[in-house]
Amino acid sequence: MSNKTKIAIIIVIFLWASAFVGIRAGLRVYSPEGLALLRYLVASACMAVIYYCLPQKSLLHVRDVLALLGIGAVGIGIYNLTLNYGELSISSGMTSFITSQSPIITTIIAVLFLGEQLNTMRCLGFLVSVFGVALIAMGEIGGFKWDMGITYVLLATLAAGCYSVLQKPFLKKYHVIEATTYVIWGGTLFLAIYTPQLQHDLLTASFDATLTVVYLGIFPAAIGYLGWSYVLADIPASKAVSFLYFMPFLATLLGWLCLDEVPVWLSLVGGILAIGGIWLINRSYVPVKIKADVE
């Protein structure tokens, strides 16, 4: 792994952790739809400038352009809508713990479509993660009952898992800036149907709230997704997502410091278990090294 990739990972972890806090703050004024659209209008403008400054541009096939736009509709559009709705009732830290379960989606896709087998460690990882998410739900909601906020965050997790898998092949064909630009533009086009909600929000939103959304568009969105694309282009996706284990803990700390979201101990224990389950699943992909006896 190159030093540039290590730096990119650190930047992505911090920016994406701050995004959970920023979204929670922005939702105090903005609607989930308006926040998502404004955020990615800003991100799209940033990526347009970066894309324009790219010295050499590839000639993208129409088929690939449409595919990247579709990936953006899922990985950007659906992900952000469901995430925003989830954060209306779920704290920023616990939301990040739940969305960190996206490697489970990657594993399920590999089992269903790539012929990979479920082994004991993977099954145990699934069970531990599911139990952890259940504890988060109990801590956040205050009892053993389900909440639409949890459902929305789980849908966001599904979209995030699909995004990392679907984008990977295009990073081998095109420059990361090109692929990321079209993905973000695709997400923004999808969210454009919520223009009336954004117009209404802009009339009532405070300057500070709008500035928070602009931050979300420039840093966690444009720079964060661009950095993540560089990471995916350099190392395997399964290895890349393992570094995101640190993000929920940082998001929880930022939520505590910035929004006075004191973590519930039951939810925190559930979050740690959820991360532990993902660790077990990723460990199941590590080949066992057999040392030959030297006679």
Protein backbone atom coordinates (compact mmCIF):
# COMPACT_ATOMS: atom_id res chain seq x y z
CA MET A 1 0.00 0.00 0.00
CA SER A 2 1.43 3.39 -1.02
CA ASN A 3 1.79 6.37 1.33
CA LYS A 4 -0.77 8.26 -0.79
CA THR A 5 -3.30 5.50 -0.17
CA LYS A 6 -2.62 5.59 3.60
CA ILE A 7 -3.14 9.37 3.63
CA ALA A 8 -6.32 8.99 1.57
CA ILE A 9 -7.68 6.42 4.06
CA ILE A 10 -7.06 8.74 7.03
CA ILE A 11 -8.73 11.67 5.26
CA VAL A 12 -11.73 9.58 4.18
CA ILE A 13 -12.27 8.17 7.70
CA PHE A 14 -12.26 11.63 9.28
CA LEU A 15 -14.43 13.28 6.60
CA TRP A 16 -17.01 10.50 6.51
CA ALA A 17 -17.16 10.38 10.31
CA SER A 18 -17.82 14.12 10.36
CA ALA A 19 -20.56 13.66 7.73
CA PHE A 20 -22.77 11.72 10.16
CA VAL A 21 -22.55 14.62 12.61
CA GLY A 22 -23.04 17.25 9.90
CA ILE A 23 -26.13 15.51 8.53
CA ARG A 24 -27.67 15.31 12.00
CA ALA A 25 -27.03 19.04 12.47
CA GLY A 26 -28.34 19.97 9.02
CA LEU A 27 -31.55 17.99 9.52
CA ARG A 28 -32.55 20.39 12.29
CA VAL A 29 -33.47 22.85 9.52
CA TYR A 30 -33.37 21.01 6.19
CA SER A 31 -35.62 18.20 5.01
CA PRO A 32 -33.89 14.88 4.21
CA GLU A 33 -34.53 15.42 0.49
CA GLY A 34 -33.45 19.06 0.43
CA LEU A 35 -30.27 18.35 2.38
CA ALA A 36 -29.28 15.49 0.07
CA LEU A 37 -29.91 17.52 -3.10
CA LEU A 38 -28.08 20.67 -1.97
CA ARG A 39 -25.15 18.59 -0.69
CA TYR A 40 -24.68 16.89 -4.03
CA LEU A 41 -25.29 19.96 -6.13
CA VAL A 42 -22.27 21.39 -4.32
CA ALA A 43 -20.36 18.11 -4.73
CA SER A 44 -21.21 17.98 -8.45
CA ALA A 45 -19.90 21.51 -8.97
CA CYS A 46 -16.66 20.59 -7.17
CA MET A 47 -16.22 17.45 -9.27
CA ALA A 48 -16.91 19.41 -12.47
CA VAL A 49 -13.97 21.70 -11.67
CA ILE A 50 -11.70 18.77 -10.76
CA TYR A 51 -12.76 16.85 -13.88
CA TYR A 52 -12.15 19.89 -16.10
CA CYS A 53 -8.61 20.23 -14.71
CA LEU A 54 -7.79 16.58 -15.47
CA PRO A 55 -4.93 16.69 -18.04
CA GLN A 56 -5.98 13.62 -20.02
CA LYS A 57 -9.56 12.45 -20.26
CA SER A 58 -10.76 9.05 -21.44
CA LEU A 59 -13.42 8.58 -24.07
CA LEU A 60 -16.10 6.88 -22.00
CA HIS A 61 -18.46 4.47 -23.73
CA VAL A 62 -22.11 5.48 -23.55
CA ARG A 63 -22.87 2.16 -21.88
CA ASP A 64 -20.31 2.86 -19.15
CA VAL A 65 -21.56 6.41 -18.63
CA LEU A 66 -25.11 5.14 -18.10
CA ALA A 67 -23.82 2.44 -15.74
CA LEU A 68 -21.86 4.97 -13.65
CA LEU A 69 -24.89 7.27 -13.50
CA GLY A 70 -26.99 4.32 -12.34
CA ILE A 71 -24.42 3.42 -9.68
CA GLY A 72 -24.62 7.02 -8.52
CA ALA A 73 -28.40 6.84 -8.29
CA VAL A 74 -28.04 3.88 -5.90
CA GLY A 75 -24.79 4.63 -4.06
CA ILE A 76 -25.35 8.37 -3.78
CA GLY A 77 -29.07 9.04 -4.27
CA ILE A 78 -30.77 6.19 -2.44
CA TYR A 79 -27.99 5.95 0.15
CA ASN A 80 -28.23 9.60 1.16
CA LEU A 81 -32.03 9.73 1.19
CA THR A 82 -32.34 6.70 3.44
CA LEU A 83 -29.41 7.79 5.60
CA ASN A 84 -30.93 11.24 6.13
CA TYR A 85 -34.31 9.79 7.07
CA GLY A 86 -32.59 7.39 9.45
CA GLU A 87 -30.68 10.15 11.20
CA LEU A 88 -33.94 11.91 12.02
CA SER A 89 -34.32 9.46 14.91
CA ILE A 90 -30.96 7.65 15.24
CA SER A 91 -27.89 9.39 16.67
CA SER A 92 -24.94 10.08 14.38
CA GLY A 93 -22.59 7.67 16.16
CA MET A 94 -24.98 4.73 16.15
CA THR A 95 -25.91 5.39 12.52
CA SER A 96 -22.25 5.06 11.58
CA PHE A 97 -22.01 1.76 13.49
CA ILE A 98 -24.95 0.35 11.52
CA THR A 99 -23.75 1.57 8.11
CA SER A 100 -20.36 0.00 8.83
CA GLN A 101 -22.12 -3.32 8.18
CA SER A 102 -21.82 -2.79 4.41
CA PRO A 103 -19.15 -5.55 4.12
CA ILE A 104 -21.93 -8.00 4.96
CA ILE A 105 -23.70 -6.92 1.77
CA THR A 106 -20.47 -7.47 -0.17
CA THR A 107 -20.19 -10.99 1.25
CA ILE A 108 -23.84 -11.82 0.48
CA ILE A 109 -23.37 -10.65 -3.12
CA ALA A 110 -20.23 -12.81 -3.39
CA VAL A 111 -22.13 -15.85 -2.06
CA LEU A 112 -25.19 -15.38 -4.27
CA PHE A 113 -23.57 -14.33 -7.53
CA LEU A 114 -19.88 -15.25 -7.37
CA GLY A 115 -20.21 -18.75 -5.98
CA GLU A 116 -18.36 -18.13 -2.71
CA GLN A 117 -19.13 -20.48 0.16
CA LEU A 118 -20.27 -19.62 3.67
CA ASN A 119 -17.87 -21.02 6.25
CA THR A 120 -18.17 -21.23 10.03
CA MET A 121 -16.35 -17.96 10.69
CA ARG A 122 -18.54 -16.04 8.23
CA CYS A 123 -21.74 -17.44 9.74
CA LEU A 124 -20.51 -16.51 13.22
CA GLY A 125 -19.66 -13.01 11.99
CA PHE A 126 -23.17 -12.60 10.60
CA LEU A 127 -24.76 -13.68 13.88
CA VAL A 128 -22.54 -11.41 16.00
CA SER A 129 -23.21 -8.40 13.75
CA VAL A 130 -26.96 -8.96 13.70
CA PHE A 131 -26.98 -9.26 17.50
CA GLY A 132 -24.93 -6.06 17.75
CA VAL A 133 -27.35 -4.13 15.53
CA ALA A 134 -30.25 -5.44 17.64
CA LEU A 135 -28.57 -4.06 20.78
CA ILE A 136 -28.08 -0.70 19.03
CA ALA A 137 -31.79 -0.64 18.20
CA MET A 138 -32.72 -1.43 21.80
CA GLY A 139 -30.41 1.28 23.16
CA GLU A 140 -31.50 3.95 20.68
CA ILE A 141 -35.23 3.26 20.80
CA GLY A 142 -35.41 2.40 24.50
CA GLY A 143 -36.82 -1.11 24.26
CA PHE A 144 -37.16 -4.24 22.20
CA LYS A 145 -39.10 -2.80 19.30
CA TRP A 146 -38.39 -1.82 15.73
CA ASP A 147 -38.21 1.70 14.39
CA MET A 148 -38.37 3.11 10.86
CA GLY A 149 -35.11 4.95 11.55
CA ILE A 150 -33.30 1.60 11.89
CA THR A 151 -34.98 0.39 8.69
CA TYR A 152 -33.84 3.46 6.75
CA VAL A 153 -30.25 3.10 7.99
CA LEU A 154 -30.21 -0.59 7.04
CA LEU A 155 -31.43 0.35 3.55
CA ALA A 156 -28.60 2.90 3.38
CA THR A 157 -26.18 0.13 4.38
CA LEU A 158 -27.49 -2.05 1.55
CA ALA A 159 -26.98 0.79 -0.95
CA ALA A 160 -23.44 1.44 0.33
CA GLY A 161 -22.50 -2.22 0.02
CA CYS A 162 -23.75 -2.37 -3.56
CA TYR A 163 -21.89 0.86 -4.40
CA SER A 164 -18.41 -0.43 -3.48
CA VAL A 165 -18.93 -3.65 -5.43
CA LEU A 166 -20.44 -2.06 -8.53
CA GLN A 167 -17.91 0.77 -8.83
CA LYS A 168 -14.78 -1.39 -8.56
CA PRO A 169 -14.65 -2.65 -12.23
CA PHE A 170 -14.85 0.89 -13.63
CA LEU A 171 -11.86 2.02 -11.58
CA LYS A 172 -9.77 -0.41 -13.61
CA LYS A 173 -10.97 1.07 -16.91
CA TYR A 174 -11.03 4.79 -16.17
CA HIS A 175 -9.27 7.38 -14.03
CA VAL A 176 -10.72 7.59 -10.51
CA ILE A 177 -11.67 11.24 -11.07
CA GLU A 178 -13.67 10.32 -14.16
CA ALA A 179 -15.50 7.43 -12.50
CA THR A 180 -16.23 9.38 -9.31
CA THR A 181 -17.44 12.42 -11.24
CA TYR A 182 -20.05 10.48 -13.18
CA VAL A 183 -21.16 8.59 -10.08
CA ILE A 184 -21.73 11.83 -8.16
CA TRP A 185 -23.46 13.42 -11.16
CA GLY A 186 -25.71 10.36 -11.38
CA GLY A 187 -26.68 10.70 -7.74
CA THR A 188 -27.40 14.40 -8.18
CA LEU A 189 -29.59 13.77 -11.24
CA PHE A 190 -31.57 11.23 -9.23
CA LEU A 191 -32.01 13.68 -6.36
CA ALA A 192 -33.04 16.52 -8.71
CA ILE A 193 -36.67 15.39 -8.43
CA TYR A 194 -36.63 16.95 -4.95
CA THR A 195 -35.93 20.46 -6.23
CA PRO A 196 -39.24 21.82 -4.81
CA GLN A 197 -38.28 20.63 -1.31
CA LEU A 198 -34.87 22.28 -1.61
CA GLN A 199 -36.43 25.56 -2.75
CA HIS A 200 -38.68 25.54 0.30
CA ASP A 201 -35.79 24.69 2.64
CA LEU A 202 -33.60 27.50 1.29
CA LEU A 203 -36.28 30.06 2.12
CA THR A 204 -36.36 29.06 5.79
CA ALA A 205 -32.84 27.73 6.49
CA SER A 206 -30.32 29.70 8.53
CA PHE A 207 -26.92 30.65 7.12
CA ASP A 208 -25.14 28.31 9.55
CA ALA A 209 -27.27 25.35 8.51
CA THR A 210 -26.67 26.05 4.82
CA LEU A 211 -22.94 26.39 5.49
CA THR A 212 -23.01 22.96 7.15
CA VAL A 213 -24.62 21.41 4.07
CA VAL A 214 -22.05 23.13 1.82
CA TYR A 215 -19.31 21.59 3.97
CA LEU A 216 -20.95 18.19 3.52
CA GLY A 217 -20.93 18.68 -0.24
CA ILE A 218 -17.31 19.82 -0.59
CA PHE A 219 -15.51 17.63 1.95
CA PRO A 220 -17.27 14.35 2.90
CA ALA A 221 -18.99 14.11 -0.51
CA ALA A 222 -16.61 15.36 -3.24
CA ILE A 223 -13.24 14.92 -1.51
CA GLY A 224 -14.36 11.90 0.53
CA TYR A 225 -15.72 9.89 -2.41
CA LEU A 226 -12.75 10.89 -4.56
CA GLY A 227 -10.36 9.72 -1.85
CA TRP A 228 -12.27 6.45 -1.46
CA SER A 229 -12.05 5.84 -5.21
CA TYR A 230 -8.26 6.23 -5.02
CA VAL A 231 -8.21 3.69 -2.18
CA LEU A 232 -10.38 1.17 -4.08
CA ALA A 233 -8.19 1.58 -7.16
CA ASP A 234 -5.04 0.69 -5.18
CA ILE A 235 -6.11 -2.09 -2.78
CA PRO A 236 -8.83 -4.81 -2.73
CA ALA A 237 -12.28 -3.69 -1.60
CA SER A 238 -12.34 -6.21 1.26
CA LYS A 239 -9.10 -4.77 2.65
CA ALA A 240 -10.22 -1.18 2.09
CA VAL A 241 -13.45 -1.52 4.07
CA SER A 242 -11.56 -2.98 7.03
CA PHE A 243 -10.00 0.43 7.67
CA LEU A 244 -13.47 1.90 8.10
CA TYR A 245 -13.79 0.09 11.46
CA PHE A 246 -12.39 3.23 13.09
CA MET A 247 -15.04 5.53 11.61
CA PRO A 248 -17.97 4.69 13.95
CA PHE A 249 -15.89 5.35 17.04
CA LEU A 250 -14.73 8.71 15.64
CA ALA A 251 -18.30 9.61 14.61
CA THR A 252 -19.53 8.76 18.11
CA LEU A 253 -16.83 10.99 19.65
CA LEU A 254 -17.63 13.87 17.27
CA GLY A 255 -21.36 13.50 17.97
CA TRP A 256 -20.64 13.65 21.69
CA LEU A 257 -18.42 16.73 21.36
CA CYS A 258 -20.41 18.66 18.73
CA LEU A 259 -24.05 17.66 19.32
CA ASP A 260 -24.03 16.53 22.97
CA GLU A 261 -25.13 13.06 21.83
CA VAL A 262 -24.02 11.04 24.84
CA PRO A 263 -23.83 7.41 23.68
CA VAL A 264 -26.11 4.91 25.40
CA TRP A 265 -23.96 2.10 26.82
CA LEU A 266 -26.20 -0.63 25.41
CA SER A 267 -25.91 0.89 21.93
CA LEU A 268 -22.16 1.29 22.31
CA VAL A 269 -21.76 -2.37 23.28
CA GLY A 270 -23.94 -3.30 20.32
CA GLY A 271 -21.77 -1.17 18.04
CA ILE A 272 -18.61 -2.88 19.20
CA LEU A 273 -20.21 -6.30 18.63
CA ALA A 274 -21.36 -5.22 15.16
CA ILE A 275 -17.81 -4.18 14.26
CA GLY A 276 -16.52 -7.44 15.76
CA GLY A 277 -18.81 -9.42 13.48
CA ILE A 278 -17.52 -7.61 10.41
CA TRP A 279 -13.95 -8.28 11.58
CA LEU A 280 -14.74 -12.01 11.75
CA ILE A 281 -16.21 -11.94 8.24
CA ASN A 282 -13.17 -10.19 6.81
CA ARG A 283 -10.83 -12.56 8.66
CA SER A 284 -12.56 -15.45 6.90
CA TYR A 285 -11.11 -14.19 3.62
CA VAL A 286 -7.50 -14.27 4.89
CA PRO A 287 -5.76 -17.33 3.46
CA VAL A 288 -4.18 -19.68 5.97
CA LYS A 289 -0.43 -19.89 5.49
CA ILE A 290 0.89 -23.41 5.78
CA LYS A 291 4.56 -23.72 6.63
CA ALA A 292 6.22 -26.72 5.11
CA ASP A 293 8.39 -28.78 7.44
CA VAL A 294 12.04 -28.52 6.52
CA GLU A 295 13.81 -31.82 6.90
